[in-house]
Each structure stands twice: as C-alpha cells, then as structure tokens.
Amino acid sequence: MKNLIKILIMNLLLISGVNASGGIGGGGIANIPQGQDREKYHLGKAVYNQDLTLENQTNVKLQEQEERLEYLQGSLPNTEKRRVNLPDFAGKLTEEQLQALEYFVQVRFNVKLPEKKKE
C-alpha cells in the first residue's frame, strides 16, 4: 500500500511538473526601427498616444485627412479601436505628423496600407 501511494505521488509530481514548464505565449512586440525611421516611428507614437498638443492646421485638406484617418482607425485591432479615435485628429495634423502616424500604425500593428499614387 505504501508503495502504491509513493508511485501515485511520484506520478502526480511528474505530471504537474511537465505541465508547468514552459513560458507564457503572447503576441510579439514590433521591432522598433533604427535610424531616420526611428524618429518617424516615435513621432507617430507621440501623435497616437496624444502626447503632443495638436492645434487646428490652416493649410491641410480636411477631407483627405479624414479619409486617411478613418482607414487607419478601421485597420486597428478592436481593443485599440475602443482606446483611440483617430478621425478626431482630422485637421489638426501636419502632413509630417500624419505620415508618421501611418508609419507607426503600420509597424506597431503590422498593418499594410495601400500604396500612395504619385501625381
């Protein structure tokens, strides 16, 4: 009887030890770019996280910005869609800030944006 109890205890220890080994799986974190792209990434991150004070811009195409920001919003994961509302930034971003925001979303959330047509 004692041998049976010892065998059961050893089996329980071995089974629980096997299940407990290993790491916690999770989503990958985007690789932060180096060089000039790093500055663009961090500017986009600051815009996305609303770390910058955005003021209305006078020389921007409001309709074009709204369309680009709505497309970006639609490409975000659902958890992020609830956290941030990108179309609210329409008319408040310079072209550089908007491009940086698009770049940040592409890198951070692994989103492919359509190629821009050269005129």
PDB file of N, CA and C in Angstrom:
ATOM      1  N   MET A   1       0.823  -1.196   0.000  1.00  0.00           N
ATOM      2  CA  MET A   1       0.000   0.000   0.000  1.00  0.00           C
ATOM      3  C   MET A   1       0.870   1.264   0.000  1.00  0.00           C
ATOM      4  N   LYS A   2       1.967   1.213   0.809  1.00  0.00           N
ATOM      5  CA  LYS A   2       2.855   2.371   0.864  1.00  0.00           C
ATOM      6  C   LYS A   2       3.521   2.585  -0.495  1.00  0.00           C
ATOM      7  N   ASN A   3       3.880   1.488  -1.162  1.00  0.00           N
ATOM      8  CA  ASN A   3       4.498   1.608  -2.479  1.00  0.00           C
ATOM      9  C   ASN A   3       3.527   2.215  -3.496  1.00  0.00           C
ATOM     10  N   LEU A   4       2.262   1.866  -3.406  1.00  0.00           N
ATOM     11  CA  LEU A   4       1.256   2.396  -4.313  1.00  0.00           C
ATOM     12  C   LEU A   4       1.092   3.897  -4.102  1.00  0.00           C
ATOM     13  N   ILE A   5       1.084   4.338  -2.872  1.00  0.00           N
ATOM     14  CA  ILE A   5       0.957   5.763  -2.562  1.00  0.00           C
ATOM     15  C   ILE A   5       2.179   6.515  -3.082  1.00  0.00           C
ATOM     16  N   LYS A   6       3.371   5.935  -2.889  1.00  0.00           N
ATOM     17  CA  LYS A   6       4.590   6.577  -3.382  1.00  0.00           C
ATOM     18  C   LYS A   6       4.561   6.714  -4.904  1.00  0.00           C
ATOM     19  N   ILE A   7       4.091   5.682  -5.584  1.00  0.00           N
ATOM     20  CA  ILE A   7       4.016   5.712  -7.044  1.00  0.00           C
ATOM     21  C   ILE A   7       3.020   6.772  -7.498  1.00  0.00           C
ATOM     22  N   LEU A   8       1.881   6.864  -6.844  1.00  0.00           N
ATOM     23  CA  LEU A   8       0.888   7.882  -7.191  1.00  0.00           C
ATOM     24  C   LEU A   8       1.425   9.294  -6.969  1.00  0.00           C
ATOM     25  N   ILE A   9       2.108   9.502  -5.875  1.00  0.00           N
ATOM     26  CA  ILE A   9       2.678  10.819  -5.576  1.00  0.00           C
ATOM     27  C   ILE A   9       3.741  11.176  -6.622  1.00  0.00           C
ATOM     28  N   MET A  10       4.593  10.212  -6.974  1.00  0.00           N
ATOM     29  CA  MET A  10       5.630  10.459  -7.988  1.00  0.00           C
ATOM     30  C   MET A  10       4.994  10.798  -9.337  1.00  0.00           C
ATOM     31  N   ASN A  11       3.946  10.081  -9.708  1.00  0.00           N
ATOM     32  CA  ASN A  11       3.262  10.365 -10.969  1.00  0.00           C
ATOM     33  C   ASN A  11       2.647  11.753 -10.965  1.00  0.00           C
ATOM     34  N   LEU A  12       2.018  12.137  -9.871  1.00  0.00           N
ATOM     35  CA  LEU A  12       1.427  13.469  -9.772  1.00  0.00           C
ATOM     36  C   LEU A  12       2.494  14.553  -9.889  1.00  0.00           C
ATOM     37  N   LEU A  13       3.622  14.352  -9.233  1.00  0.00           N
ATOM     38  CA  LEU A  13       4.704  15.330  -9.312  1.00  0.00           C
ATOM     39  C   LEU A  13       5.261  15.434 -10.724  1.00  0.00           C
ATOM     40  N   LEU A  14       5.439  14.309 -11.368  1.00  0.00           N
ATOM     41  CA  LEU A  14       5.961  14.319 -12.732  1.00  0.00           C
ATOM     42  C   LEU A  14       4.988  14.978 -13.707  1.00  0.00           C
ATOM     43  N   ILE A  15       3.705  14.649 -13.581  1.00  0.00           N
ATOM     44  CA  ILE A  15       2.705  15.207 -14.483  1.00  0.00           C
ATOM     45  C   ILE A  15       2.566  16.713 -14.277  1.00  0.00           C
ATOM     46  N   SER A  16       2.489  17.157 -13.026  1.00  0.00           N
ATOM     47  CA  SER A  16       2.329  18.592 -12.769  1.00  0.00           C
ATOM     48  C   SER A  16       3.592  19.348 -13.162  1.00  0.00           C
ATOM     49  N   GLY A  17       4.750  18.728 -13.011  1.00  0.00           N
ATOM     50  CA  GLY A  17       5.998  19.371 -13.400  1.00  0.00           C
ATOM     51  C   GLY A  17       6.099  19.557 -14.903  1.00  0.00           C
ATOM     52  N   VAL A  18       5.611  18.591 -15.658  1.00  0.00           N
ATOM     53  CA  VAL A  18       5.656  18.682 -17.118  1.00  0.00           C
ATOM     54  C   VAL A  18       4.725  19.791 -17.596  1.00  0.00           C
ATOM     55  N   ASN A  19       3.554  19.906 -17.042  1.00  0.00           N
ATOM     56  CA  ASN A  19       2.602  20.929 -17.463  1.00  0.00           C
ATOM     57  C   ASN A  19       3.046  22.333 -17.062  1.00  0.00           C
ATOM     58  N   ALA A  20       3.785  22.452 -15.988  1.00  0.00           N
ATOM     59  CA  ALA A  20       4.165  23.763 -15.506  1.00  0.00           C
ATOM     60  C   ALA A  20       5.362  24.324 -16.252  1.00  0.00           C
ATOM     61  N   SER A  21       6.097  23.495 -16.949  1.00  0.00           N
ATOM     62  CA  SER A  21       7.267  24.021 -17.649  1.00  0.00           C
ATOM     63  C   SER A  21       6.840  24.757 -18.906  1.00  0.00           C
ATOM     64  N   GLY A  22       7.629  25.731 -19.284  1.00  0.00           N
ATOM     65  CA  GLY A  22       7.328  26.494 -20.494  1.00  0.00           C
ATOM     66  C   GLY A  22       6.929  27.910 -20.161  1.00  0.00           C
ATOM     67  N   GLY A  23       6.980  28.747 -21.138  1.00  0.00           N
ATOM     68  CA  GLY A  23       6.662  30.154 -20.922  1.00  0.00           C
ATOM     69  C   GLY A  23       5.238  30.465 -21.312  1.00  0.00           C
ATOM     70  N   ILE A  24       4.879  31.675 -21.041  1.00  0.00           N
ATOM     71  CA  ILE A  24       3.549  32.160 -21.390  1.00  0.00           C
ATOM     72  C   ILE A  24       3.617  32.689 -22.809  1.00  0.00           C
ATOM     73  N   GLY A  25       2.767  32.178 -23.666  1.00  0.00           N
ATOM     74  CA  GLY A  25       2.736  32.659 -25.042  1.00  0.00           C
ATOM     75  C   GLY A  25       2.029  33.995 -25.109  1.00  0.00           C
ATOM     76  N   GLY A  26       2.437  34.789 -26.032  1.00  0.00           N
ATOM     77  CA  GLY A  26       1.780  36.080 -26.182  1.00  0.00           C
ATOM     78  C   GLY A  26       2.106  36.671 -27.534  1.00  0.00           C
ATOM     79  N   GLY A  27       1.493  37.774 -27.826  1.00  0.00           N
ATOM     80  CA  GLY A  27       1.748  38.447 -29.087  1.00  0.00           C
ATOM     81  C   GLY A  27       3.138  39.048 -29.116  1.00  0.00           C
ATOM     82  N   GLY A  28       3.693  39.142 -30.271  1.00  0.00           N
ATOM     83  CA  GLY A  28       5.016  39.728 -30.428  1.00  0.00           C
ATOM     84  C   GLY A  28       4.958  41.240 -30.371  1.00  0.00           C
ATOM     85  N   ILE A  29       6.048  41.817 -30.004  1.00  0.00           N
ATOM     86  CA  ILE A  29       6.151  43.268 -29.982  1.00  0.00           C
ATOM     87  C   ILE A  29       6.897  43.689 -31.231  1.00  0.00           C
ATOM     88  N   ALA A  30       6.409  44.719 -31.876  1.00  0.00           N
ATOM     89  CA  ALA A  30       7.019  45.161 -33.123  1.00  0.00           C
ATOM     90  C   ALA A  30       8.458  45.604 -32.888  1.00  0.00           C
ATOM     91  N   ASN A  31       9.298  45.332 -33.853  1.00  0.00           N
ATOM     92  CA  ASN A  31      10.677  45.800 -33.785  1.00  0.00           C
ATOM     93  C   ASN A  31      10.698  47.289 -34.080  1.00  0.00           C
ATOM     94  N   ILE A  32      11.253  48.055 -33.164  1.00  0.00           N
ATOM     95  CA  ILE A  32      11.338  49.495 -33.362  1.00  0.00           C
ATOM     96  C   ILE A  32      12.449  49.765 -34.362  1.00  0.00           C
ATOM     97  N   PRO A  33      12.141  50.517 -35.426  1.00  0.00           N
ATOM     98  CA  PRO A  33      13.133  50.775 -36.468  1.00  0.00           C
ATOM     99  C   PRO A  33      14.313  51.592 -35.948  1.00  0.00           C
ATOM    100  N   GLN A  34      15.387  51.565 -36.701  1.00  0.00           N
ATOM    101  CA  GLN A  34      16.600  52.312 -36.374  1.00  0.00           C
ATOM    102  C   GLN A  34      16.769  53.457 -37.373  1.00  0.00           C
ATOM    103  N   GLY A  35      17.633  54.397 -37.036  1.00  0.00           N
ATOM    104  CA  GLY A  35      17.970  55.498 -37.944  1.00  0.00           C
ATOM    105  C   GLY A  35      16.852  56.508 -38.072  1.00  0.00           C
ATOM    106  N   GLN A  36      16.693  57.036 -39.304  1.00  0.00           N
ATOM    107  CA  GLN A  36      15.683  58.060 -39.545  1.00  0.00           C
ATOM    108  C   GLN A  36      14.273  57.536 -39.286  1.00  0.00           C
ATOM    109  N   ASP A  37      14.064  56.271 -39.597  1.00  0.00           N
ATOM    110  CA  ASP A  37      12.740  55.697 -39.373  1.00  0.00           C
ATOM    111  C   ASP A  37      12.382  55.683 -37.895  1.00  0.00           C
ATOM    112  N   ARG A  38      13.385  55.634 -37.034  1.00  0.00           N
ATOM    113  CA  ARG A  38      13.136  55.646 -35.593  1.00  0.00           C
ATOM    114  C   ARG A  38      12.475  56.959 -35.164  1.00  0.00           C
ATOM    115  N   GLU A  39      12.956  58.084 -35.710  1.00  0.00           N
ATOM    116  CA  GLU A  39      12.363  59.388 -35.388  1.00  0.00           C
ATOM    117  C   GLU A  39      10.917  59.449 -35.870  1.00  0.00           C
ATOM    118  N   LYS A  40      10.698  58.948 -37.081  1.00  0.00           N
ATOM    119  CA  LYS A  40       9.344  58.932 -37.640  1.00  0.00           C
ATOM    120  C   LYS A  40       8.426  58.064 -36.782  1.00  0.00           C
ATOM    121  N   TYR A  41       8.930  56.906 -36.355  1.00  0.00           N
ATOM    122  CA  TYR A  41       8.162  55.988 -35.512  1.00  0.00           C
ATOM    123  C   TYR A  41       7.767  56.670 -34.202  1.00  0.00           C
ATOM    124  N   HIS A  42       8.729  57.329 -33.553  1.00  0.00           N
ATOM    125  CA  HIS A  42       8.445  57.952 -32.261  1.00  0.00           C
ATOM    126  C   HIS A  42       7.530  59.172 -32.390  1.00  0.00           C
ATOM    127  N   LEU A  43       7.632  59.899 -33.495  1.00  0.00           N
ATOM    128  CA  LEU A  43       6.686  60.996 -33.730  1.00  0.00           C
ATOM    129  C   LEU A  43       5.278  60.427 -33.893  1.00  0.00           C
ATOM    130  N   GLY A  44       5.144  59.359 -34.678  1.00  0.00           N
ATOM    131  CA  GLY A  44       3.837  58.725 -34.859  1.00  0.00           C
ATOM    132  C   GLY A  44       3.288  58.179 -33.554  1.00  0.00           C
ATOM    133  N   LYS A  45       4.173  57.622 -32.731  1.00  0.00           N
ATOM    134  CA  LYS A  45       3.756  57.094 -31.431  1.00  0.00           C
ATOM    135  C   LYS A  45       3.255  58.221 -30.530  1.00  0.00           C
ATOM    136  N   ALA A  46       3.944  59.360 -30.557  1.00  0.00           N
ATOM    137  CA  ALA A  46       3.527  60.511 -29.741  1.00  0.00           C
ATOM    138  C   ALA A  46       2.165  61.028 -30.192  1.00  0.00           C
ATOM    139  N   VAL A  47       1.934  61.068 -31.508  1.00  0.00           N
ATOM    140  CA  VAL A  47       0.631  61.504 -32.020  1.00  0.00           C
ATOM    141  C   VAL A  47      -0.439  60.503 -31.596  1.00  0.00           C
ATOM    142  N   TYR A  48      -0.156  59.213 -31.784  1.00  0.00           N
ATOM    143  CA  TYR A  48      -1.118  58.151 -31.469  1.00  0.00           C
ATOM    144  C   TYR A  48      -1.506  58.171 -29.996  1.00  0.00           C
ATOM    145  N   ASN A  49      -0.513  58.343 -29.117  1.00  0.00           N
ATOM    146  CA  ASN A  49      -0.771  58.337 -27.680  1.00  0.00           C
ATOM    147  C   ASN A  49      -1.206  59.701 -27.153  1.00  0.00           C
ATOM    148  N   GLN A  50      -1.367  60.651 -28.042  1.00  0.00           N
ATOM    149  CA  GLN A  50      -1.813  62.005 -27.708  1.00  0.00           C
ATOM    150  C   GLN A  50      -0.863  62.684 -26.728  1.00  0.00           C
ATOM    151  N   ASP A  51       0.446  62.442 -26.925  1.00  0.00           N
ATOM    152  CA  ASP A  51       1.460  63.089 -26.112  1.00  0.00           C
ATOM    153  C   ASP A  51       1.791  64.485 -26.631  1.00  0.00           C
ATOM    154  N   LEU A  52       1.346  64.796 -27.836  1.00  0.00           N
ATOM    155  CA  LEU A  52       1.569  66.110 -28.433  1.00  0.00           C
ATOM    156  C   LEU A  52       0.293  66.935 -28.339  1.00  0.00           C
ATOM    157  N   THR A  53       0.461  68.237 -28.204  1.00  0.00           N
ATOM    158  CA  THR A  53      -0.688  69.127 -28.256  1.00  0.00           C
ATOM    159  C   THR A  53      -0.959  69.434 -29.719  1.00  0.00           C
ATOM    160  N   LEU A  54      -2.121  69.043 -30.191  1.00  0.00           N
ATOM    161  CA  LEU A  54      -2.467  69.245 -31.595  1.00  0.00           C
ATOM    162  C   LEU A  54      -3.396  70.443 -31.726  1.00  0.00           C
ATOM    163  N   GLU A  55      -3.019  71.345 -32.635  1.00  0.00           N
ATOM    164  CA  GLU A  55      -3.839  72.527 -32.886  1.00  0.00           C
ATOM    165  C   GLU A  55      -4.341  72.472 -34.311  1.00  0.00           C
ATOM    166  N   ASN A  56      -5.447  73.154 -34.571  1.00  0.00           N
ATOM    167  CA  ASN A  56      -6.004  73.158 -35.923  1.00  0.00           C
ATOM    168  C   ASN A  56      -4.990  73.727 -36.904  1.00  0.00           C
ATOM    169  N   GLN A  57      -4.839  73.035 -38.028  1.00  0.00           N
ATOM    170  CA  GLN A  57      -3.943  73.464 -39.091  1.00  0.00           C
ATOM    171  C   GLN A  57      -4.756  74.182 -40.158  1.00  0.00           C
ATOM    172  N   THR A  58      -4.192  75.245 -40.724  1.00  0.00           N
ATOM    173  CA  THR A  58      -4.947  76.027 -41.708  1.00  0.00           C
ATOM    174  C   THR A  58      -4.746  75.548 -43.133  1.00  0.00           C
ATOM    175  N   ASN A  59      -3.597  74.961 -43.426  1.00  0.00           N
ATOM    176  CA  ASN A  59      -3.292  74.615 -44.818  1.00  0.00           C
ATOM    177  C   ASN A  59      -3.318  73.108 -45.067  1.00  0.00           C
ATOM    178  N   VAL A  60      -4.330  72.424 -44.550  1.00  0.00           N
ATOM    179  CA  VAL A  60      -4.445  70.986 -44.767  1.00  0.00           C
ATOM    180  C   VAL A  60      -5.758  70.691 -45.487  1.00  0.00           C
ATOM    181  N   LYS A  61      -5.789  69.574 -46.178  1.00  0.00           N
ATOM    182  CA  LYS A  61      -7.015  69.110 -46.844  1.00  0.00           C
ATOM    183  C   LYS A  61      -7.776  68.249 -45.842  1.00  0.00           C
ATOM    184  N   LEU A  62      -8.794  68.845 -45.241  1.00  0.00           N
ATOM    185  CA  LEU A  62      -9.542  68.198 -44.163  1.00  0.00           C
ATOM    186  C   LEU A  62     -10.173  66.882 -44.619  1.00  0.00           C
ATOM    187  N   GLN A  63     -10.812  66.882 -45.778  1.00  0.00           N
ATOM    188  CA  GLN A  63     -11.488  65.675 -46.270  1.00  0.00           C
ATOM    189  C   GLN A  63     -10.496  64.537 -46.483  1.00  0.00           C
ATOM    190  N   GLU A  64      -9.336  64.850 -47.043  1.00  0.00           N
ATOM    191  CA  GLU A  64      -8.311  63.832 -47.291  1.00  0.00           C
ATOM    192  C   GLU A  64      -7.795  63.254 -45.971  1.00  0.00           C
ATOM    193  N   GLN A  65      -7.569  64.133 -44.982  1.00  0.00           N
ATOM    194  CA  GLN A  65      -7.109  63.650 -43.673  1.00  0.00           C
ATOM    195  C   GLN A  65      -8.157  62.771 -43.010  1.00  0.00           C
ATOM    196  N   GLU A  66      -9.415  63.163 -43.100  1.00  0.00           N
ATOM    197  CA  GLU A  66     -10.487  62.354 -42.505  1.00  0.00           C
ATOM    198  C   GLU A  66     -10.514  60.956 -43.112  1.00  0.00           C
ATOM    199  N   GLU A  67     -10.391  60.883 -44.435  1.00  0.00           N
ATOM    200  CA  GLU A  67     -10.414  59.583 -45.109  1.00  0.00           C
ATOM    201  C   GLU A  67      -9.227  58.718 -44.681  1.00  0.00           C
ATOM    202  N   ARG A  68      -8.049  59.312 -44.639  1.00  0.00           N
ATOM    203  CA  ARG A  68      -6.857  58.553 -44.255  1.00  0.00           C
ATOM    204  C   ARG A  68      -6.949  58.078 -42.805  1.00  0.00           C
ATOM    205  N   LEU A  69      -7.452  58.945 -41.928  1.00  0.00           N
ATOM    206  CA  LEU A  69      -7.558  58.594 -40.511  1.00  0.00           C
ATOM    207  C   LEU A  69      -8.647  57.552 -40.269  1.00  0.00           C
ATOM    208  N   GLU A  70      -9.745  57.630 -41.020  1.00  0.00           N
ATOM    209  CA  GLU A  70     -10.800  56.621 -40.892  1.00  0.00           C
ATOM    210  C   GLU A  70     -10.286  55.260 -41.353  1.00  0.00           C
ATOM    211  N   TYR A  71      -9.493  55.245 -42.416  1.00  0.00           N
ATOM    212  CA  TYR A  71      -8.922  53.983 -42.892  1.00  0.00           C
ATOM    213  C   TYR A  71      -7.979  53.404 -41.837  1.00  0.00           C
ATOM    214  N   LEU A  72      -7.153  54.276 -41.245  1.00  0.00           N
ATOM    215  CA  LEU A  72      -6.247  53.832 -40.180  1.00  0.00           C
ATOM    216  C   LEU A  72      -7.030  53.273 -39.000  1.00  0.00           C
ATOM    217  N   GLN A  73      -8.088  53.976 -38.610  1.00  0.00           N
ATOM    218  CA  GLN A  73      -8.918  53.539 -37.487  1.00  0.00           C
ATOM    219  C   GLN A  73      -9.495  52.154 -37.759  1.00  0.00           C
ATOM    220  N   GLY A  74      -9.942  51.935 -38.985  1.00  0.00           N
ATOM    221  CA  GLY A  74     -10.528  50.651 -39.340  1.00  0.00           C
ATOM    222  C   GLY A  74      -9.510  49.519 -39.357  1.00  0.00           C
ATOM    223  N   SER A  75      -8.237  49.851 -39.521  1.00  0.00           N
ATOM    224  CA  SER A  75      -7.207  48.808 -39.581  1.00  0.00           C
ATOM    225  C   SER A  75      -6.641  48.449 -38.207  1.00  0.00           C
ATOM    226  N   LEU A  76      -7.055  49.164 -37.175  1.00  0.00           N
ATOM    227  CA  LEU A  76      -6.569  48.878 -35.819  1.00  0.00           C
ATOM    228  C   LEU A  76      -7.243  47.643 -35.240  1.00  0.00           C
ATOM    229  N   PRO A  77      -6.575  46.962 -34.317  1.00  0.00           N
ATOM    230  CA  PRO A  77      -7.241  45.865 -33.590  1.00  0.00           C
ATOM    231  C   PRO A  77      -8.419  46.413 -32.774  1.00  0.00           C
ATOM    232  N   ASN A  78      -9.397  45.574 -32.500  1.00  0.00           N
ATOM    233  CA  ASN A  78     -10.612  46.021 -31.802  1.00  0.00           C
ATOM    234  C   ASN A  78     -10.321  46.674 -30.456  1.00  0.00           C
ATOM    235  N   THR A  79      -9.351  46.159 -29.713  1.00  0.00           N
ATOM    236  CA  THR A  79      -9.046  46.751 -28.407  1.00  0.00           C
ATOM    237  C   THR A  79      -8.536  48.175 -28.571  1.00  0.00           C
ATOM    238  N   GLU A  80      -7.767  48.419 -29.624  1.00  0.00           N
ATOM    239  CA  GLU A  80      -7.244  49.767 -29.863  1.00  0.00           C
ATOM    240  C   GLU A  80      -8.313  50.699 -30.417  1.00  0.00           C
ATOM    241  N   LYS A  81      -9.252  50.154 -31.170  1.00  0.00           N
ATOM    242  CA  LYS A  81     -10.335  50.980 -31.713  1.00  0.00           C
ATOM    243  C   LYS A  81     -11.138  51.621 -30.589  1.00  0.00           C
ATOM    244  N   ARG A  82     -11.263  50.904 -29.482  1.00  0.00           N
ATOM    245  CA  ARG A  82     -12.008  51.446 -28.336  1.00  0.00           C
ATOM    246  C   ARG A  82     -11.183  52.472 -27.567  1.00  0.00           C
ATOM    247  N   ARG A  83      -9.863  52.360 -27.662  1.00  0.00           N
ATOM    248  CA  ARG A  83      -8.983  53.213 -26.873  1.00  0.00           C
ATOM    249  C   ARG A  83      -8.718  54.570 -27.521  1.00  0.00           C
ATOM    250  N   VAL A  84      -8.620  54.594 -28.830  1.00  0.00           N
ATOM    251  CA  VAL A  84      -8.260  55.834 -29.521  1.00  0.00           C
ATOM    252  C   VAL A  84      -9.197  56.053 -30.703  1.00  0.00           C
ATOM    253  N   ASN A  85      -9.509  57.312 -31.003  1.00  0.00           N
ATOM    254  CA  ASN A  85     -10.372  57.659 -32.127  1.00  0.00           C
ATOM    255  C   ASN A  85      -9.573  58.560 -33.068  1.00  0.00           C
ATOM    256  N   LEU A  86      -8.923  57.957 -34.035  1.00  0.00           N
ATOM    257  CA  LEU A  86      -8.032  58.690 -34.928  1.00  0.00           C
ATOM    258  C   LEU A  86      -8.730  59.755 -35.771  1.00  0.00           C
ATOM    259  N   PRO A  87      -9.978  59.551 -36.248  1.00  0.00           N
ATOM    260  CA  PRO A  87     -10.617  60.611 -37.032  1.00  0.00           C
ATOM    261  C   PRO A  87     -10.774  61.932 -36.272  1.00  0.00           C
ATOM    262  N   ASP A  88     -10.684  61.912 -34.953  1.00  0.00           N
ATOM    263  CA  ASP A  88     -10.729  63.159 -34.179  1.00  0.00           C
ATOM    264  C   ASP A  88      -9.530  64.054 -34.468  1.00  0.00           C
ATOM    265  N   PHE A  89      -8.454  63.469 -35.013  1.00  0.00           N
ATOM    266  CA  PHE A  89      -7.243  64.244 -35.300  1.00  0.00           C
ATOM    267  C   PHE A  89      -7.334  64.989 -36.626  1.00  0.00           C
ATOM    268  N   ALA A  90      -8.388  64.771 -37.399  1.00  0.00           N
ATOM    269  CA  ALA A  90      -8.517  65.392 -38.721  1.00  0.00           C
ATOM    270  C   ALA A  90      -8.467  66.912 -38.604  1.00  0.00           C
ATOM    271  N   GLY A  91      -7.643  67.512 -39.435  1.00  0.00           N
ATOM    272  CA  GLY A  91      -7.497  68.967 -39.444  1.00  0.00           C
ATOM    273  C   GLY A  91      -6.505  69.479 -38.420  1.00  0.00           C
ATOM    274  N   LYS A  92      -5.971  68.596 -37.587  1.00  0.00           N
ATOM    275  CA  LYS A  92      -5.043  69.001 -36.536  1.00  0.00           C
ATOM    276  C   LYS A  92      -3.616  68.505 -36.779  1.00  0.00           C
ATOM    277  N   LEU A  93      -3.434  67.718 -37.835  1.00  0.00           N
ATOM    278  CA  LEU A  93      -2.123  67.127 -38.092  1.00  0.00           C
ATOM    279  C   LEU A  93      -1.455  67.772 -39.297  1.00  0.00           C
ATOM    280  N   THR A  94      -0.153  67.965 -39.185  1.00  0.00           N
ATOM    281  CA  THR A  94       0.618  68.358 -40.356  1.00  0.00           C
ATOM    282  C   THR A  94       0.807  67.106 -41.203  1.00  0.00           C
ATOM    283  N   GLU A  95       1.253  67.276 -42.446  1.00  0.00           N
ATOM    284  CA  GLU A  95       1.490  66.125 -43.318  1.00  0.00           C
ATOM    285  C   GLU A  95       2.552  65.216 -42.723  1.00  0.00           C
ATOM    286  N   GLU A  96       3.581  65.798 -42.115  1.00  0.00           N
ATOM    287  CA  GLU A  96       4.649  65.007 -41.484  1.00  0.00           C
ATOM    288  C   GLU A  96       4.094  64.167 -40.328  1.00  0.00           C
ATOM    289  N   GLN A  97       3.238  64.765 -39.503  1.00  0.00           N
ATOM    290  CA  GLN A  97       2.649  64.037 -38.379  1.00  0.00           C
ATOM    291  C   GLN A  97       1.732  62.922 -38.864  1.00  0.00           C
ATOM    292  N   LEU A  98       0.968  63.181 -39.915  1.00  0.00           N
ATOM    293  CA  LEU A  98       0.061  62.170 -40.457  1.00  0.00           C
ATOM    294  C   LEU A  98       0.840  60.998 -41.041  1.00  0.00           C
ATOM    295  N   GLN A  99       1.905  61.292 -41.777  1.00  0.00           N
ATOM    296  CA  GLN A  99       2.731  60.220 -42.333  1.00  0.00           C
ATOM    297  C   GLN A  99       3.401  59.415 -41.220  1.00  0.00           C
ATOM    298  N   ALA A 100       3.842  60.093 -40.173  1.00  0.00           N
ATOM    299  CA  ALA A 100       4.464  59.407 -39.039  1.00  0.00           C
ATOM    300  C   ALA A 100       3.443  58.521 -38.327  1.00  0.00           C
ATOM    301  N   LEU A 101       2.213  59.000 -38.184  1.00  0.00           N
ATOM    302  CA  LEU A 101       1.156  58.206 -37.560  1.00  0.00           C
ATOM    303  C   LEU A 101       0.863  56.959 -38.386  1.00  0.00           C
ATOM    304  N   GLU A 102       0.780  57.120 -39.704  1.00  0.00           N
ATOM    305  CA  GLU A 102       0.554  55.972 -40.572  1.00  0.00           C
ATOM    306  C   GLU A 102       1.702  54.976 -40.447  1.00  0.00           C
ATOM    307  N   TYR A 103       2.921  55.490 -40.395  1.00  0.00           N
ATOM    308  CA  TYR A 103       4.089  54.619 -40.279  1.00  0.00           C
ATOM    309  C   TYR A 103       4.064  53.862 -38.946  1.00  0.00           C
ATOM    310  N   PHE A 104       3.734  54.558 -37.853  1.00  0.00           N
ATOM    311  CA  PHE A 104       3.664  53.931 -36.538  1.00  0.00           C
ATOM    312  C   PHE A 104       2.634  52.799 -36.530  1.00  0.00           C
ATOM    313  N   VAL A 105       1.456  53.055 -37.075  1.00  0.00           N
ATOM    314  CA  VAL A 105       0.398  52.037 -37.093  1.00  0.00           C
ATOM    315  C   VAL A 105       0.835  50.835 -37.937  1.00  0.00           C
ATOM    316  N   GLN A 106       1.513  51.103 -39.059  1.00  0.00           N
ATOM    317  CA  GLN A 106       1.999  50.008 -39.902  1.00  0.00           C
ATOM    318  C   GLN A 106       2.966  49.118 -39.137  1.00  0.00           C
ATOM    319  N   VAL A 107       3.909  49.726 -38.444  1.00  0.00           N
ATOM    320  CA  VAL A 107       4.938  48.958 -37.745  1.00  0.00           C
ATOM    321  C   VAL A 107       4.372  48.313 -36.489  1.00  0.00           C
ATOM    322  N   ARG A 108       3.678  49.076 -35.679  1.00  0.00           N
ATOM    323  CA  ARG A 108       3.219  48.591 -34.370  1.00  0.00           C
ATOM    324  C   ARG A 108       2.161  47.505 -34.486  1.00  0.00           C
ATOM    325  N   PHE A 109       1.230  47.672 -35.424  1.00  0.00           N
ATOM    326  CA  PHE A 109       0.112  46.737 -35.523  1.00  0.00           C
ATOM    327  C   PHE A 109       0.199  45.848 -36.764  1.00  0.00           C
ATOM    328  N   ASN A 110       1.337  45.906 -37.465  1.00  0.00           N
ATOM    329  CA  ASN A 110       1.585  45.063 -38.628  1.00  0.00           C
ATOM    330  C   ASN A 110       0.461  45.193 -39.655  1.00  0.00           C
ATOM    331  N   VAL A 111       0.187  46.427 -40.051  1.00  0.00           N
ATOM    332  CA  VAL A 111      -0.890  46.748 -40.985  1.00  0.00           C
ATOM    333  C   VAL A 111      -0.268  47.139 -42.323  1.00  0.00           C
ATOM    334  N   LYS A 112      -0.828  46.640 -43.393  1.00  0.00           N
ATOM    335  CA  LYS A 112      -0.399  47.045 -44.733  1.00  0.00           C
ATOM    336  C   LYS A 112      -1.351  48.122 -45.229  1.00  0.00           C
ATOM    337  N   LEU A 113      -0.810  49.293 -45.500  1.00  0.00           N
ATOM    338  CA  LEU A 113      -1.614  50.382 -46.035  1.00  0.00           C
ATOM    339  C   LEU A 113      -1.451  50.401 -47.557  1.00  0.00           C
ATOM    340  N   PRO A 114      -2.476  50.863 -48.266  1.00  0.00           N
ATOM    341  CA  PRO A 114      -2.354  50.924 -49.728  1.00  0.00           C
ATOM    342  C   PRO A 114      -1.267  51.904 -50.141  1.00  0.00           C
ATOM    343  N   GLU A 115      -0.611  51.591 -51.245  1.00  0.00           N
ATOM    344  CA  GLU A 115       0.437  52.470 -51.766  1.00  0.00           C
ATOM    345  C   GLU A 115      -0.191  53.773 -52.227  1.00  0.00           C
ATOM    346  N   LYS A 116       0.507  54.891 -51.977  1.00  0.00           N
ATOM    347  CA  LYS A 116       0.021  56.192 -52.410  1.00  0.00           C
ATOM    348  C   LYS A 116       0.390  56.401 -53.866  1.00  0.00           C
ATOM    349  N   LYS A 117      -0.519  56.941 -54.620  1.00  0.00           N
ATOM    350  CA  LYS A 117      -0.267  57.210 -56.039  1.00  0.00           C
ATOM    351  C   LYS A 117       0.515  58.497 -56.171  1.00  0.00           C
ATOM    352  N   LYS A 118       1.566  58.455 -56.968  1.00  0.00           N
ATOM    353  CA  LYS A 118       2.361  59.665 -57.239  1.00  0.00           C
ATOM    354  C   LYS A 118       1.680  60.425 -58.373  1.00  0.00           C
ATOM    355  N   GLU A 119       1.492  61.705 -58.167  1.00  0.00           N
ATOM    356  CA  GLU A 119       0.812  62.522 -59.192  1.00  0.00           C
ATOM    357  C   GLU A 119       1.830  63.207 -60.063  1.00  0.00           C
TER     358      GLU A 119
END
